[in-house]
N, C-alpha and C. Protein backbone atom coordinates (compact mmCIF):
# COMPACT_ATOMS: atom_id res chain seq x y z
N MET A 1 170.61 89.87 166.90
CA MET A 1 169.30 89.80 167.57
C MET A 1 168.28 90.70 166.88
N SER A 2 168.69 91.90 166.51
CA SER A 2 167.74 92.84 165.91
C SER A 2 167.23 92.32 164.56
N PHE A 3 168.08 91.53 163.89
CA PHE A 3 167.64 90.96 162.61
C PHE A 3 166.44 90.03 162.83
N MET A 4 166.53 89.18 163.85
CA MET A 4 165.42 88.27 164.17
C MET A 4 164.16 89.06 164.51
N LYS A 5 164.33 90.15 165.23
CA LYS A 5 163.20 91.00 165.60
C LYS A 5 162.54 91.58 164.35
N ASP A 6 163.36 92.02 163.41
CA ASP A 6 162.84 92.57 162.16
C ASP A 6 162.05 91.51 161.39
N VAL A 7 162.60 90.30 161.34
CA VAL A 7 161.92 89.22 160.63
C VAL A 7 160.57 88.93 161.27
N LYS A 8 160.56 88.92 162.60
CA LYS A 8 159.33 88.64 163.34
C LYS A 8 158.28 89.72 163.05
N GLU A 9 158.70 90.98 163.11
CA GLU A 9 157.79 92.09 162.83
C GLU A 9 157.27 92.03 161.39
N GLU A 10 158.15 91.70 160.48
CA GLU A 10 157.77 91.56 159.07
C GLU A 10 156.68 90.50 158.91
N ALA A 11 156.85 89.38 159.61
CA ALA A 11 155.86 88.30 159.56
C ALA A 11 154.52 88.77 160.11
N GLU A 12 154.56 89.52 161.21
CA GLU A 12 153.32 90.06 161.80
C GLU A 12 152.61 90.98 160.81
N ILE A 13 153.38 91.87 160.20
CA ILE A 13 152.80 92.82 159.23
C ILE A 13 152.18 92.06 158.06
N ARG A 14 152.91 91.03 157.57
CA ARG A 14 152.41 90.26 156.44
C ARG A 14 151.11 89.54 156.81
N LYS A 15 151.07 88.99 158.02
CA LYS A 15 149.86 88.28 158.48
C LYS A 15 148.67 89.25 158.53
N LYS A 16 148.92 90.44 159.08
CA LYS A 16 147.87 91.45 159.19
C LYS A 16 147.38 91.85 157.80
N ARG A 17 148.33 92.03 156.87
CA ARG A 17 147.98 92.42 155.51
C ARG A 17 147.13 91.34 154.84
N ASN A 18 147.48 90.08 155.06
CA ASN A 18 146.69 88.97 154.50
C ASN A 18 145.28 88.97 155.08
N GLN A 19 145.16 89.21 156.39
CA GLN A 19 143.84 89.25 157.03
C GLN A 19 142.99 90.37 156.43
N ILE A 20 143.62 91.53 156.21
CA ILE A 20 142.90 92.66 155.62
C ILE A 20 142.43 92.31 154.21
N ARG A 21 143.31 91.64 153.43
CA ARG A 21 142.96 91.26 152.07
C ARG A 21 141.80 90.27 152.08
N ILE A 22 141.84 89.29 152.97
CA ILE A 22 140.76 88.31 153.07
C ILE A 22 139.46 89.00 153.47
N ALA A 23 139.53 89.88 154.46
CA ALA A 23 138.33 90.60 154.91
C ALA A 23 137.75 91.42 153.77
N THR A 24 138.62 92.08 153.00
CA THR A 24 138.16 92.88 151.86
C THR A 24 137.42 92.01 150.85
N TRP A 25 137.98 90.84 150.52
CA TRP A 25 137.33 89.95 149.56
C TRP A 25 136.01 89.43 150.09
N VAL A 26 135.94 89.13 151.39
CA VAL A 26 134.68 88.66 152.00
C VAL A 26 133.61 89.75 151.87
N ILE A 27 133.98 90.99 152.19
CA ILE A 27 133.03 92.10 152.10
C ILE A 27 132.58 92.29 150.65
N VAL A 28 133.51 92.26 149.71
CA VAL A 28 133.17 92.40 148.29
C VAL A 28 132.20 91.30 147.87
N ALA A 29 132.49 90.06 148.28
CA ALA A 29 131.63 88.93 147.92
C ALA A 29 130.23 89.12 148.48
N ILE A 30 130.12 89.56 149.73
CA ILE A 30 128.81 89.78 150.36
C ILE A 30 128.04 90.87 149.63
N VAL A 31 128.72 91.97 149.33
CA VAL A 31 128.06 93.08 148.62
C VAL A 31 127.56 92.61 147.26
N LEU A 32 128.40 91.89 146.52
CA LEU A 32 127.99 91.40 145.20
C LEU A 32 126.80 90.44 145.33
N ALA A 33 126.82 89.57 146.33
CA ALA A 33 125.72 88.63 146.55
C ALA A 33 124.43 89.39 146.85
N LEU A 34 124.51 90.41 147.68
CA LEU A 34 123.32 91.21 148.01
C LEU A 34 122.80 91.95 146.78
N VAL A 35 123.69 92.56 146.03
CA VAL A 35 123.29 93.27 144.81
C VAL A 35 122.60 92.30 143.85
N TRP A 36 123.21 91.15 143.65
CA TRP A 36 122.63 90.14 142.75
C TRP A 36 121.26 89.69 143.26
N TYR A 37 121.17 89.49 144.59
CA TYR A 37 119.92 89.01 145.19
C TYR A 37 118.79 90.03 145.00
N PHE A 38 119.10 91.31 145.20
CA PHE A 38 118.06 92.33 145.16
C PHE A 38 117.73 92.81 143.75
N THR A 39 118.60 92.53 142.78
CA THR A 39 118.36 93.04 141.42
C THR A 39 117.84 91.98 140.47
N ARG A 40 117.78 90.72 140.89
CA ARG A 40 117.33 89.69 139.96
C ARG A 40 115.81 89.66 139.87
């Protein structure tokens, strides 16, 4: 039973990590777009 629990927790952690990575890329993209917009 504990093995299944570990797998479930691992999946949750991985999902959270993916969300953080996506959020980071979105923020980077927005910042780059703003910099490009204001410096052209």
